[in-house]
Amino acid sequence: MKDDITYNHSNNNVFVRTNGDLIYVICNKEDQQKKVIEKMCTDNCILEDYEQWDDGDDMKWILTFRVLDEYEKKMELN
């Protein structure tokens, strides 16, 4: 992903924006969160923050992921 880019098209199910080492994903449905978290959480990326916006039909979930620096990654042990 490129820095400071909004990845949003009319056919996307979620809104994605990058800012430095942060990736923001806005989910429109609660069931989208689990799939996004499963795909985004890797050895190089972690879920940094979770925020719920609005109530009722307009409810959105903002998931913030952080791409880890080289020194933050888990070290492989022999």
C-alpha atoms as a PDB file:
ATOM      1  CA  MET A   1       0.000   0.000   0.000  1.00  0.00           C
ATOM      2  CA  LYS A   2       1.147   3.513  -0.723  1.00  0.00           C
ATOM      3  CA  ASP A   3       1.412   6.205   1.944  1.00  0.00           C
ATOM      4  CA  ASP A   4      -1.466   8.679   2.484  1.00  0.00           C
ATOM      5  CA  ILE A   5      -3.773   7.079  -0.086  1.00  0.00           C
ATOM      6  CA  THR A   6      -7.498   6.420   0.151  1.00  0.00           C
ATOM      7  CA  TYR A   7      -8.500   3.118  -1.395  1.00  0.00           C
ATOM      8  CA  ASN A   8     -12.201   3.589  -1.973  1.00  0.00           C
ATOM      9  CA  HIS A   9     -14.248   2.612  -5.011  1.00  0.00           C
ATOM     10  CA  SER A  10     -18.000   2.265  -5.432  1.00  0.00           C
ATOM     11  CA  ASN A  11     -17.793  -1.539  -5.428  1.00  0.00           C
ATOM     12  CA  ASN A  12     -15.675  -1.797  -2.231  1.00  0.00           C
ATOM     13  CA  ASN A  13     -17.256  -3.355   0.833  1.00  0.00           C
ATOM     14  CA  VAL A  14     -15.011  -1.422   3.235  1.00  0.00           C
ATOM     15  CA  PHE A  15     -13.238   1.941   3.192  1.00  0.00           C
ATOM     16  CA  VAL A  16      -9.423   1.776   3.461  1.00  0.00           C
ATOM     17  CA  ARG A  17      -7.016   4.655   4.075  1.00  0.00           C
ATOM     18  CA  THR A  18      -3.297   4.680   4.848  1.00  0.00           C
ATOM     19  CA  ASN A  19      -1.325   7.223   6.835  1.00  0.00           C
ATOM     20  CA  GLY A  20       2.317   6.388   7.395  1.00  0.00           C
ATOM     21  CA  ASP A  21       2.492   3.030   9.164  1.00  0.00           C
ATOM     22  CA  LEU A  22      -1.240   3.093  10.021  1.00  0.00           C
ATOM     23  CA  ILE A  23      -4.009   1.500   7.960  1.00  0.00           C
ATOM     24  CA  TYR A  24      -7.592   2.559   8.706  1.00  0.00           C
ATOM     25  CA  VAL A  25     -10.434   0.242   7.695  1.00  0.00           C
ATOM     26  CA  ILE A  26     -14.046   1.373   8.102  1.00  0.00           C
ATOM     27  CA  CYS A  27     -16.556  -1.491   8.140  1.00  0.00           C
ATOM     28  CA  ASN A  28     -20.222  -0.902   7.341  1.00  0.00           C
ATOM     29  CA  LYS A  29     -21.435  -4.158   8.888  1.00  0.00           C
ATOM     30  CA  GLU A  30     -20.490  -5.819  12.129  1.00  0.00           C
ATOM     31  CA  ASP A  31     -19.791  -9.179  10.463  1.00  0.00           C
ATOM     32  CA  GLN A  32     -17.116  -7.563   8.230  1.00  0.00           C
ATOM     33  CA  GLN A  33     -14.862  -6.912  11.227  1.00  0.00           C
ATOM     34  CA  LYS A  34     -13.888 -10.516  11.865  1.00  0.00           C
ATOM     35  CA  LYS A  35     -12.907 -11.117   8.252  1.00  0.00           C
ATOM     36  CA  VAL A  36     -10.886  -7.880   8.079  1.00  0.00           C
ATOM     37  CA  ILE A  37      -9.067  -8.652  11.344  1.00  0.00           C
ATOM     38  CA  GLU A  38      -8.257 -12.207  10.195  1.00  0.00           C
ATOM     39  CA  LYS A  39      -6.807 -10.939   6.915  1.00  0.00           C
ATOM     40  CA  MET A  40      -4.944  -7.915   8.296  1.00  0.00           C
ATOM     41  CA  CYS A  41      -3.373  -9.319  11.477  1.00  0.00           C
ATOM     42  CA  THR A  42      -0.084 -10.919  10.469  1.00  0.00           C
ATOM     43  CA  ASP A  43       3.477 -11.083  11.777  1.00  0.00           C
ATOM     44  CA  ASN A  44       4.008  -7.651  10.184  1.00  0.00           C
ATOM     45  CA  CYS A  45       0.703  -5.945  11.089  1.00  0.00           C
ATOM     46  CA  ILE A  46      -1.324  -5.677  14.318  1.00  0.00           C
ATOM     47  CA  LEU A  47      -4.714  -4.287  15.346  1.00  0.00           C
ATOM     48  CA  GLU A  48      -3.849  -1.016  17.083  1.00  0.00           C
ATOM     49  CA  ASP A  49      -7.288   0.489  17.802  1.00  0.00           C
ATOM     50  CA  TYR A  50     -11.024  -0.207  17.551  1.00  0.00           C
ATOM     51  CA  GLU A  51     -13.714   2.459  17.489  1.00  0.00           C
ATOM     52  CA  GLN A  52     -17.489   2.279  17.052  1.00  0.00           C
ATOM     53  CA  TRP A  53     -19.269   5.230  15.462  1.00  0.00           C
ATOM     54  CA  ASP A  54     -22.941   6.206  15.465  1.00  0.00           C
ATOM     55  CA  ASP A  55     -25.928   4.110  16.439  1.00  0.00           C
ATOM     56  CA  GLY A  56     -28.613   2.219  14.581  1.00  0.00           C
ATOM     57  CA  ASP A  57     -28.505   1.794  10.813  1.00  0.00           C
ATOM     58  CA  ASP A  58     -25.603   4.238  10.325  1.00  0.00           C
ATOM     59  CA  MET A  59     -23.266   2.390  12.696  1.00  0.00           C
ATOM     60  CA  LYS A  60     -19.666   2.053  11.468  1.00  0.00           C
ATOM     61  CA  TRP A  61     -16.623   0.333  12.919  1.00  0.00           C
ATOM     62  CA  ILE A  62     -13.188   1.869  12.503  1.00  0.00           C
ATOM     63  CA  LEU A  63     -10.314  -0.574  12.792  1.00  0.00           C
ATOM     64  CA  THR A  64      -6.789   0.857  12.931  1.00  0.00           C
ATOM     65  CA  PHE A  65      -3.903  -1.444  12.057  1.00  0.00           C
ATOM     66  CA  ARG A  66      -0.209  -0.671  12.429  1.00  0.00           C
ATOM     67  CA  VAL A  67       2.522  -2.041  10.219  1.00  0.00           C
ATOM     68  CA  LEU A  68       5.380  -3.084  12.470  1.00  0.00           C
ATOM     69  CA  ASP A  69       8.897  -1.749  12.115  1.00  0.00           C
ATOM     70  CA  GLU A  70      11.735  -4.235  11.727  1.00  0.00           C
ATOM     71  CA  TYR A  71      12.670  -4.014  15.432  1.00  0.00           C
ATOM     72  CA  GLU A  72       9.042  -4.629  16.556  1.00  0.00           C
ATOM     73  CA  LYS A  73       8.573  -7.895  14.670  1.00  0.00           C
ATOM     74  CA  LYS A  74       8.732 -11.176  16.513  1.00  0.00           C
ATOM     75  CA  MET A  75      12.162 -12.751  16.324  1.00  0.00           C
ATOM     76  CA  GLU A  76      12.445 -16.283  15.080  1.00  0.00           C
ATOM     77  CA  LEU A  77      14.186 -18.451  17.652  1.00  0.00           C
ATOM     78  CA  ASN A  78      16.141 -21.577  16.765  1.00  0.00           C
END
